[in-house]
């Protein structure tokens, strides 16, 4: 379990920076948080990039997590070819990457994810999906794997943002879907770009080291606290939420 002092200090720092507001919503990334899917994404991208003769490393792909498929392709095209991909190329190559992903074994639910979601739902928080992915094979599983938690009108995906992560737009839109300020949200992320997006929006940002990216990278990207796994978050979520809320006192009416 995360040291209580560390959680308390993180909550105090964040609360003091934005004022005292109760937490009303939880904004969740999908890949690497709800599903242990990033190794499969990495393998699918690796297969595509190898076919295109674009130099890369497997671990490097984890750093692009949170970007839309088109943004990832354009980043790599600019690095290798010195230009953006055409819309036709983006569509064709992302379709190939999606096909390669779907050929791999089904990504398992991340241990601890059901406990975290069920606790937050029982605590009355609105739960929003905020993913840079357009991977329908995973998005379509959410209602089956986490019944009653996610709703179609409460999902931010690559289809409804103009600027993907690390821009704050996805998390600002997630907070708006919940009908609250970002300062009334917690965000759960496992990649630097996603952490930066959530932190820039103003949400209390929890980083999870569920892949090869070290904790320091998540802290540098703006995570208010970093935990070693989703199961660790499940073990600590009640303590975190209580620490974020316990000093909130409504002002007396004048």
C-alpha atoms as a PDB file:
ATOM      1  CA  UNK A   1       0.000   0.000   0.000  1.00  0.00           C
ATOM      2  CA  UNK A   2       1.209   3.482  -0.836  1.00  0.00           C
ATOM      3  CA  UNK A   3       2.520   5.340   2.254  1.00  0.00           C
ATOM      4  CA  UNK A   4      -0.273   7.408   3.780  1.00  0.00           C
ATOM      5  CA  UNK A   5       2.000  10.426   4.141  1.00  0.00           C
ATOM      6  CA  UNK A   6       2.802  10.413   0.419  1.00  0.00           C
ATOM      7  CA  UNK A   7      -0.890  10.290  -0.502  1.00  0.00           C
ATOM      8  CA  UNK A   8      -1.742  13.020   2.013  1.00  0.00           C
ATOM      9  CA  UNK A   9       1.021  15.301   0.753  1.00  0.00           C
ATOM     10  CA  UNK A  10      -0.005  14.819  -2.883  1.00  0.00           C
ATOM     11  CA  UNK A  11      -3.633  15.595  -2.048  1.00  0.00           C
ATOM     12  CA  UNK A  12      -2.650  18.679  -0.038  1.00  0.00           C
ATOM     13  CA  UNK A  13      -0.447  20.048  -2.825  1.00  0.00           C
ATOM     14  CA  UNK A  14      -3.148  19.647  -5.420  1.00  0.00           C
ATOM     15  CA  UNK A  15      -6.001  20.923  -3.259  1.00  0.00           C
ATOM     16  CA  UNK A  16      -4.036  23.974  -2.156  1.00  0.00           C
ATOM     17  CA  UNK A  17      -3.275  24.849  -5.771  1.00  0.00           C
ATOM     18  CA  UNK A  18      -6.896  24.853  -6.971  1.00  0.00           C
ATOM     19  CA  UNK A  19      -8.948  25.497  -3.851  1.00  0.00           C
ATOM     20  CA  UNK A  20     -11.249  23.204  -1.949  1.00  0.00           C
ATOM     21  CA  UNK A  21     -13.658  21.305  -4.159  1.00  0.00           C
ATOM     22  CA  UNK A  22     -15.139  17.840  -3.740  1.00  0.00           C
ATOM     23  CA  UNK A  23     -14.301  15.150  -6.292  1.00  0.00           C
ATOM     24  CA  UNK A  24     -17.340  14.424  -8.451  1.00  0.00           C
ATOM     25  CA  UNK A  25     -15.992  12.551 -11.495  1.00  0.00           C
ATOM     26  CA  UNK A  26     -13.335  10.018 -12.484  1.00  0.00           C
ATOM     27  CA  UNK A  27     -11.787  10.180 -15.960  1.00  0.00           C
ATOM     28  CA  UNK A  28     -10.228   6.919 -17.141  1.00  0.00           C
ATOM     29  CA  UNK A  29      -7.777   6.160 -19.891  1.00  0.00           C
ATOM     30  CA  UNK A  30      -8.401   2.720 -21.427  1.00  0.00           C
ATOM     31  CA  UNK A  31      -5.240   1.058 -22.789  1.00  0.00           C
ATOM     32  CA  UNK A  32      -2.833   0.113 -20.020  1.00  0.00           C
ATOM     33  CA  UNK A  33      -5.311   1.094 -17.306  1.00  0.00           C
ATOM     34  CA  UNK A  34      -8.584  -0.765 -17.860  1.00  0.00           C
ATOM     35  CA  UNK A  35      -7.041  -3.349 -20.206  1.00  0.00           C
ATOM     36  CA  UNK A  36      -3.535  -4.786 -20.373  1.00  0.00           C
ATOM     37  CA  UNK A  37      -3.564  -3.988 -24.063  1.00  0.00           C
ATOM     38  CA  UNK A  38      -0.430  -1.927 -24.634  1.00  0.00           C
ATOM     39  CA  UNK A  39       1.830  -4.918 -25.443  1.00  0.00           C
ATOM     40  CA  UNK A  40      -0.613  -5.804 -28.229  1.00  0.00           C
ATOM     41  CA  UNK A  41      -0.737  -2.241 -29.532  1.00  0.00           C
ATOM     42  CA  UNK A  42       3.069  -2.169 -29.509  1.00  0.00           C
ATOM     43  CA  UNK A  43       3.249  -5.455 -31.431  1.00  0.00           C
ATOM     44  CA  UNK A  44       0.706  -4.247 -33.999  1.00  0.00           C
ATOM     45  CA  UNK A  45       2.554  -0.962 -34.557  1.00  0.00           C
ATOM     46  CA  UNK A  46       5.863  -2.842 -34.692  1.00  0.00           C
ATOM     47  CA  UNK A  47       4.549  -5.110 -37.425  1.00  0.00           C
ATOM     48  CA  UNK A  48       3.274  -2.160 -39.477  1.00  0.00           C
ATOM     49  CA  UNK A  49       6.415  -0.064 -39.066  1.00  0.00           C
ATOM     50  CA  UNK A  50       8.622  -3.028 -39.925  1.00  0.00           C
ATOM     51  CA  UNK A  51       6.658  -3.507 -43.147  1.00  0.00           C
ATOM     52  CA  UNK A  52       7.137   0.202 -43.940  1.00  0.00           C
ATOM     53  CA  UNK A  53      10.880   0.017 -43.150  1.00  0.00           C
ATOM     54  CA  UNK A  54      10.513   2.822 -40.596  1.00  0.00           C
ATOM     55  CA  UNK A  55      13.229   2.495 -37.926  1.00  0.00           C
ATOM     56  CA  UNK A  56      11.842   2.259 -34.384  1.00  0.00           C
ATOM     57  CA  UNK A  57      12.145   0.405 -31.107  1.00  0.00           C
ATOM     58  CA  UNK A  58       9.365  -1.565 -29.442  1.00  0.00           C
ATOM     59  CA  UNK A  59       9.625   0.364 -26.156  1.00  0.00           C
ATOM     60  CA  UNK A  60       9.480   3.672 -28.052  1.00  0.00           C
ATOM     61  CA  UNK A  61       5.921   2.879 -29.106  1.00  0.00           C
ATOM     62  CA  UNK A  62       4.759   3.046 -25.484  1.00  0.00           C
ATOM     63  CA  UNK A  63       5.752   6.717 -25.441  1.00  0.00           C
ATOM     64  CA  UNK A  64       3.191   7.440 -28.176  1.00  0.00           C
ATOM     65  CA  UNK A  65       0.326   5.968 -26.173  1.00  0.00           C
ATOM     66  CA  UNK A  66      -2.547   8.415 -25.953  1.00  0.00           C
ATOM     67  CA  UNK A  67      -1.964   9.962 -29.369  1.00  0.00           C
ATOM     68  CA  UNK A  68      -4.547   9.343 -32.053  1.00  0.00           C
ATOM     69  CA  UNK A  69      -3.607   6.855 -34.761  1.00  0.00           C
ATOM     70  CA  UNK A  70      -3.269   9.642 -37.332  1.00  0.00           C
ATOM     71  CA  UNK A  71      -1.038  11.691 -35.029  1.00  0.00           C
ATOM     72  CA  UNK A  72       1.208   8.673 -34.423  1.00  0.00           C
ATOM     73  CA  UNK A  73       1.519   7.963 -38.145  1.00  0.00           C
ATOM     74  CA  UNK A  74       2.275  11.614 -38.891  1.00  0.00           C
ATOM     75  CA  UNK A  75       4.918  11.772 -36.166  1.00  0.00           C
ATOM     76  CA  UNK A  76       6.700   8.748 -37.597  1.00  0.00           C
ATOM     77  CA  UNK A  77       6.303   9.918 -41.202  1.00  0.00           C
ATOM     78  CA  UNK A  78       7.769  13.308 -40.347  1.00  0.00           C
ATOM     79  CA  UNK A  79      10.707  11.686 -38.633  1.00  0.00           C
ATOM     80  CA  UNK A  80      11.400   9.223 -41.448  1.00  0.00           C
ATOM     81  CA  UNK A  81      10.122  10.947 -44.602  1.00  0.00           C
ATOM     82  CA  UNK A  82      10.081  14.602 -43.539  1.00  0.00           C
ATOM     83  CA  UNK A  83       6.357  14.991 -44.263  1.00  0.00           C
ATOM     84  CA  UNK A  84       2.898  14.212 -42.965  1.00  0.00           C
ATOM     85  CA  UNK A  85       1.121  11.139 -44.249  1.00  0.00           C
ATOM     86  CA  UNK A  86      -1.707  11.837 -46.684  1.00  0.00           C
ATOM     87  CA  UNK A  87      -5.262  11.260 -45.406  1.00  0.00           C
ATOM     88  CA  UNK A  88      -5.398   8.139 -47.579  1.00  0.00           C
ATOM     89  CA  UNK A  89      -2.138   6.842 -46.089  1.00  0.00           C
ATOM     90  CA  UNK A  90      -3.333   7.562 -42.542  1.00  0.00           C
ATOM     91  CA  UNK A  91      -6.545   5.667 -43.166  1.00  0.00           C
ATOM     92  CA  UNK A  92      -4.857   2.725 -44.908  1.00  0.00           C
ATOM     93  CA  UNK A  93      -2.066   2.275 -42.386  1.00  0.00           C
ATOM     94  CA  UNK A  94      -4.273   2.689 -39.335  1.00  0.00           C
ATOM     95  CA  UNK A  95      -6.674   0.106 -40.764  1.00  0.00           C
ATOM     96  CA  UNK A  96      -3.712  -2.264 -41.163  1.00  0.00           C
ATOM     97  CA  UNK A  97      -2.541  -1.586 -37.597  1.00  0.00           C
ATOM     98  CA  UNK A  98      -6.084  -2.229 -36.320  1.00  0.00           C
ATOM     99  CA  UNK A  99      -6.250  -5.507 -38.256  1.00  0.00           C
ATOM    100  CA  UNK A 100      -2.922  -6.639 -36.801  1.00  0.00           C
ATOM    101  CA  UNK A 101      -4.122  -5.707 -33.294  1.00  0.00           C
ATOM    102  CA  UNK A 102      -7.341  -7.710 -33.716  1.00  0.00           C
ATOM    103  CA  UNK A 103      -5.386 -10.770 -34.869  1.00  0.00           C
ATOM    104  CA  UNK A 104      -3.601 -10.918 -31.512  1.00  0.00           C
ATOM    105  CA  UNK A 105      -5.021 -12.646 -28.400  1.00  0.00           C
ATOM    106  CA  UNK A 106      -7.697 -10.702 -26.556  1.00  0.00           C
ATOM    107  CA  UNK A 107      -6.316  -8.145 -24.129  1.00  0.00           C
ATOM    108  CA  UNK A 108      -7.164  -9.098 -20.537  1.00  0.00           C
ATOM    109  CA  UNK A 109      -8.812  -6.794 -18.029  1.00  0.00           C
ATOM    110  CA  UNK A 110      -6.205  -5.046 -15.908  1.00  0.00           C
ATOM    111  CA  UNK A 111      -6.147  -6.579 -12.410  1.00  0.00           C
ATOM    112  CA  UNK A 112      -7.735  -4.165  -9.968  1.00  0.00           C
ATOM    113  CA  UNK A 113      -9.760  -2.255 -12.579  1.00  0.00           C
ATOM    114  CA  UNK A 114     -13.189  -3.686 -11.628  1.00  0.00           C
ATOM    115  CA  UNK A 115     -12.598  -2.910  -7.939  1.00  0.00           C
ATOM    116  CA  UNK A 116     -11.607   0.693  -8.658  1.00  0.00           C
ATOM    117  CA  UNK A 117     -14.561   1.297 -10.985  1.00  0.00           C
ATOM    118  CA  UNK A 118     -17.089  -0.315  -8.670  1.00  0.00           C
ATOM    119  CA  UNK A 119     -15.817   1.644  -5.673  1.00  0.00           C
ATOM    120  CA  UNK A 120     -15.974   4.981  -7.503  1.00  0.00           C
ATOM    121  CA  UNK A 121     -19.441   4.218  -8.878  1.00  0.00           C
ATOM    122  CA  UNK A 122     -20.677   3.279  -5.406  1.00  0.00           C
ATOM    123  CA  UNK A 123     -19.193   6.544  -4.106  1.00  0.00           C
ATOM    124  CA  UNK A 124     -21.421   8.407  -6.557  1.00  0.00           C
ATOM    125  CA  UNK A 125     -18.757   9.642  -8.982  1.00  0.00           C
ATOM    126  CA  UNK A 126     -19.550  10.076 -12.657  1.00  0.00           C
ATOM    127  CA  UNK A 127     -17.181   7.875 -14.684  1.00  0.00           C
ATOM    128  CA  UNK A 128     -15.950   9.001 -18.104  1.00  0.00           C
ATOM    129  CA  UNK A 129     -13.755   7.175 -20.616  1.00  0.00           C
ATOM    130  CA  UNK A 130     -10.987   9.359 -22.083  1.00  0.00           C
ATOM    131  CA  UNK A 131      -8.988   7.443 -24.682  1.00  0.00           C
ATOM    132  CA  UNK A 132      -6.942   8.436 -27.700  1.00  0.00           C
ATOM    133  CA  UNK A 133      -7.838   5.096 -29.230  1.00  0.00           C
ATOM    134  CA  UNK A 134     -10.398   4.352 -31.884  1.00  0.00           C
ATOM    135  CA  UNK A 135      -9.987   0.615 -31.277  1.00  0.00           C
ATOM    136  CA  UNK A 136     -13.625  -0.507 -31.374  1.00  0.00           C
ATOM    137  CA  UNK A 137     -12.746  -4.071 -30.397  1.00  0.00           C
ATOM    138  CA  UNK A 138     -11.882  -2.762 -26.924  1.00  0.00           C
ATOM    139  CA  UNK A 139     -14.402   0.081 -26.661  1.00  0.00           C
ATOM    140  CA  UNK A 140     -17.210  -2.330 -27.512  1.00  0.00           C
ATOM    141  CA  UNK A 141     -16.124  -4.633 -24.658  1.00  0.00           C
ATOM    142  CA  UNK A 142     -16.537  -2.019 -21.925  1.00  0.00           C
ATOM    143  CA  UNK A 143     -20.227  -2.623 -21.198  1.00  0.00           C
ATOM    144  CA  UNK A 144     -19.684  -6.371 -21.119  1.00  0.00           C
ATOM    145  CA  UNK A 145     -16.597  -6.272 -18.904  1.00  0.00           C
ATOM    146  CA  UNK A 146     -17.697  -3.394 -16.651  1.00  0.00           C
ATOM    147  CA  UNK A 147     -21.522  -3.570 -16.679  1.00  0.00           C
ATOM    148  CA  UNK A 148     -23.357  -0.388 -15.796  1.00  0.00           C
ATOM    149  CA  UNK A 149     -20.190   1.713 -15.547  1.00  0.00           C
ATOM    150  CA  UNK A 150     -19.648   3.235 -18.993  1.00  0.00           C
ATOM    151  CA  UNK A 151     -22.179   4.925 -21.259  1.00  0.00           C
ATOM    152  CA  UNK A 152     -21.834   5.838 -24.925  1.00  0.00           C
ATOM    153  CA  UNK A 153     -22.526   9.519 -24.254  1.00  0.00           C
ATOM    154  CA  UNK A 154     -19.713   9.570 -21.701  1.00  0.00           C
ATOM    155  CA  UNK A 155     -16.801   8.461 -23.862  1.00  0.00           C
ATOM    156  CA  UNK A 156     -14.075  10.677 -25.288  1.00  0.00           C
ATOM    157  CA  UNK A 157     -12.303   8.864 -28.141  1.00  0.00           C
ATOM    158  CA  UNK A 158     -10.204   9.788 -31.155  1.00  0.00           C
ATOM    159  CA  UNK A 159     -13.491  10.359 -33.014  1.00  0.00           C
ATOM    160  CA  UNK A 160     -14.635  13.394 -31.013  1.00  0.00           C
ATOM    161  CA  UNK A 161     -11.537  15.500 -30.342  1.00  0.00           C
ATOM    162  CA  UNK A 162      -9.691  17.967 -32.528  1.00  0.00           C
ATOM    163  CA  UNK A 163      -6.502  17.705 -30.477  1.00  0.00           C
ATOM    164  CA  UNK A 164      -5.415  14.401 -28.953  1.00  0.00           C
ATOM    165  CA  UNK A 165      -3.215  13.867 -25.931  1.00  0.00           C
ATOM    166  CA  UNK A 166      -0.974  15.561 -24.709  1.00  0.00           C
ATOM    167  CA  UNK A 167      -3.289  18.501 -25.472  1.00  0.00           C
ATOM    168  CA  UNK A 168      -5.705  18.990 -22.541  1.00  0.00           C
ATOM    169  CA  UNK A 169      -8.774  18.912 -24.811  1.00  0.00           C
ATOM    170  CA  UNK A 170      -9.645  15.218 -24.192  1.00  0.00           C
ATOM    171  CA  UNK A 171      -9.776  15.696 -20.423  1.00  0.00           C
ATOM    172  CA  UNK A 172     -11.480  19.073 -20.642  1.00  0.00           C
ATOM    173  CA  UNK A 173     -14.150  17.401 -22.791  1.00  0.00           C
ATOM    174  CA  UNK A 174     -14.373  14.516 -20.309  1.00  0.00           C
ATOM    175  CA  UNK A 175     -15.006  16.917 -17.431  1.00  0.00           C
ATOM    176  CA  UNK A 176     -17.601  18.756 -19.521  1.00  0.00           C
ATOM    177  CA  UNK A 177     -19.374  15.454 -20.254  1.00  0.00           C
ATOM    178  CA  UNK A 178     -19.552  14.876 -16.503  1.00  0.00           C
ATOM    179  CA  UNK A 179     -20.920  18.384 -16.004  1.00  0.00           C
ATOM    180  CA  UNK A 180     -18.146  19.381 -13.624  1.00  0.00           C
ATOM    181  CA  UNK A 181     -14.939  21.405 -13.507  1.00  0.00           C
ATOM    182  CA  UNK A 182     -11.663  19.527 -14.127  1.00  0.00           C
ATOM    183  CA  UNK A 183     -10.755  20.584 -10.580  1.00  0.00           C
ATOM    184  CA  UNK A 184     -13.534  18.258  -9.416  1.00  0.00           C
ATOM    185  CA  UNK A 185     -12.062  15.249 -11.259  1.00  0.00           C
ATOM    186  CA  UNK A 186      -9.484  12.559 -10.763  1.00  0.00           C
ATOM    187  CA  UNK A 187      -7.807  11.190 -13.889  1.00  0.00           C
ATOM    188  CA  UNK A 188      -6.158   7.777 -14.211  1.00  0.00           C
ATOM    189  CA  UNK A 189      -3.396   7.400 -16.814  1.00  0.00           C
ATOM    190  CA  UNK A 190      -0.398   5.193 -17.541  1.00  0.00           C
ATOM    191  CA  UNK A 191       1.518   7.085 -20.244  1.00  0.00           C
ATOM    192  CA  UNK A 192       3.384  10.418 -20.241  1.00  0.00           C
ATOM    193  CA  UNK A 193       1.272  11.986 -23.002  1.00  0.00           C
ATOM    194  CA  UNK A 194      -1.943  11.067 -21.224  1.00  0.00           C
ATOM    195  CA  UNK A 195      -0.615  12.247 -17.868  1.00  0.00           C
ATOM    196  CA  UNK A 196       0.354  15.585 -19.420  1.00  0.00           C
ATOM    197  CA  UNK A 197      -3.094  15.946 -20.980  1.00  0.00           C
ATOM    198  CA  UNK A 198      -4.867  15.233 -17.699  1.00  0.00           C
ATOM    199  CA  UNK A 199      -2.558  17.418 -15.631  1.00  0.00           C
ATOM    200  CA  UNK A 200      -2.889  20.365 -18.017  1.00  0.00           C
ATOM    201  CA  UNK A 201      -6.669  20.108 -17.779  1.00  0.00           C
ATOM    202  CA  UNK A 202      -6.542  20.672 -14.009  1.00  0.00           C
ATOM    203  CA  UNK A 203      -7.608  17.193 -12.847  1.00  0.00           C
ATOM    204  CA  UNK A 204      -5.876  15.386  -9.978  1.00  0.00           C
ATOM    205  CA  UNK A 205      -3.772  13.004 -12.040  1.00  0.00           C
ATOM    206  CA  UNK A 206      -2.845   9.489 -10.947  1.00  0.00           C
ATOM    207  CA  UNK A 207      -0.079   7.836 -12.962  1.00  0.00           C
ATOM    208  CA  UNK A 208       0.185   4.052 -13.161  1.00  0.00           C
ATOM    209  CA  UNK A 209       3.394   2.261 -14.188  1.00  0.00           C
ATOM    210  CA  UNK A 210       1.749  -0.621 -16.026  1.00  0.00           C
ATOM    211  CA  UNK A 211       4.332  -0.790 -18.832  1.00  0.00           C
ATOM    212  CA  UNK A 212       8.051  -0.177 -19.408  1.00  0.00           C
ATOM    213  CA  UNK A 213       7.828   3.582 -18.799  1.00  0.00           C
ATOM    214  CA  UNK A 214       9.452   4.429 -15.430  1.00  0.00           C
ATOM    215  CA  UNK A 215       7.597   6.239 -12.654  1.00  0.00           C
ATOM    216  CA  UNK A 216       9.877   9.269 -12.971  1.00  0.00           C
ATOM    217  CA  UNK A 217       8.651   9.883 -16.532  1.00  0.00           C
ATOM    218  CA  UNK A 218       5.049  10.008 -15.314  1.00  0.00           C
ATOM    219  CA  UNK A 219       5.975  12.346 -12.472  1.00  0.00           C
ATOM    220  CA  UNK A 220       7.830  14.623 -14.889  1.00  0.00           C
ATOM    221  CA  UNK A 221       4.765  14.666 -17.160  1.00  0.00           C
ATOM    222  CA  UNK A 222       2.696  16.046 -14.276  1.00  0.00           C
ATOM    223  CA  UNK A 223       1.284  13.114 -12.303  1.00  0.00           C
ATOM    224  CA  UNK A 224       0.258  14.204  -8.813  1.00  0.00           C
ATOM    225  CA  UNK A 225       0.998  10.716  -7.542  1.00  0.00           C
ATOM    226  CA  UNK A 226       2.396   7.590  -9.211  1.00  0.00           C
ATOM    227  CA  UNK A 227       1.356   4.047  -8.274  1.00  0.00           C
ATOM    228  CA  UNK A 228       2.916   0.784  -9.462  1.00  0.00           C
ATOM    229  CA  UNK A 229      -0.266  -0.847 -10.792  1.00  0.00           C
ATOM    230  CA  UNK A 230      -4.027  -0.645 -11.123  1.00  0.00           C
ATOM    231  CA  UNK A 231      -4.233  -3.114  -8.244  1.00  0.00           C
ATOM    232  CA  UNK A 232      -2.276  -0.646  -6.137  1.00  0.00           C
ATOM    233  CA  UNK A 233      -4.850   2.002  -7.034  1.00  0.00           C
ATOM    234  CA  UNK A 234      -7.615  -0.403  -5.976  1.00  0.00           C
ATOM    235  CA  UNK A 235      -5.838  -0.873  -2.642  1.00  0.00           C
ATOM    236  CA  UNK A 236      -5.502   2.893  -2.142  1.00  0.00           C
ATOM    237  CA  UNK A 237      -8.474   4.502  -3.916  1.00  0.00           C
ATOM    238  CA  UNK A 238     -10.572   5.007  -0.788  1.00  0.00           C
ATOM    239  CA  UNK A 239      -7.635   6.634   1.005  1.00  0.00           C
ATOM    240  CA  UNK A 240      -6.885   8.884  -1.978  1.00  0.00           C
ATOM    241  CA  UNK A 241     -10.490   9.996  -2.351  1.00  0.00           C
ATOM    242  CA  UNK A 242     -10.843  10.651   1.365  1.00  0.00           C
ATOM    243  CA  UNK A 243      -7.647  12.717   1.386  1.00  0.00           C
ATOM    244  CA  UNK A 244      -8.822  14.780  -1.566  1.00  0.00           C
ATOM    245  CA  UNK A 245     -12.197  15.433   0.044  1.00  0.00           C
ATOM    246  CA  UNK A 246     -11.667  15.527   3.790  1.00  0.00           C
ATOM    247  CA  UNK A 247     -10.788  19.222   4.015  1.00  0.00           C
ATOM    248  CA  UNK A 248     -13.699  20.308   1.885  1.00  0.00           C
ATOM    249  CA  UNK A 249     -16.173  22.375   3.880  1.00  0.00           C
ATOM    250  CA  UNK A 250     -18.947  24.306   2.130  1.00  0.00           C
ATOM    251  CA  UNK A 251     -18.830  27.993   2.937  1.00  0.00           C
ATOM    252  CA  UNK A 252     -21.644  29.106   5.256  1.00  0.00           C
ATOM    253  CA  UNK A 253     -24.505  30.917   3.571  1.00  0.00           C
ATOM    254  CA  UNK A 254     -24.491  34.661   4.217  1.00  0.00           C
END
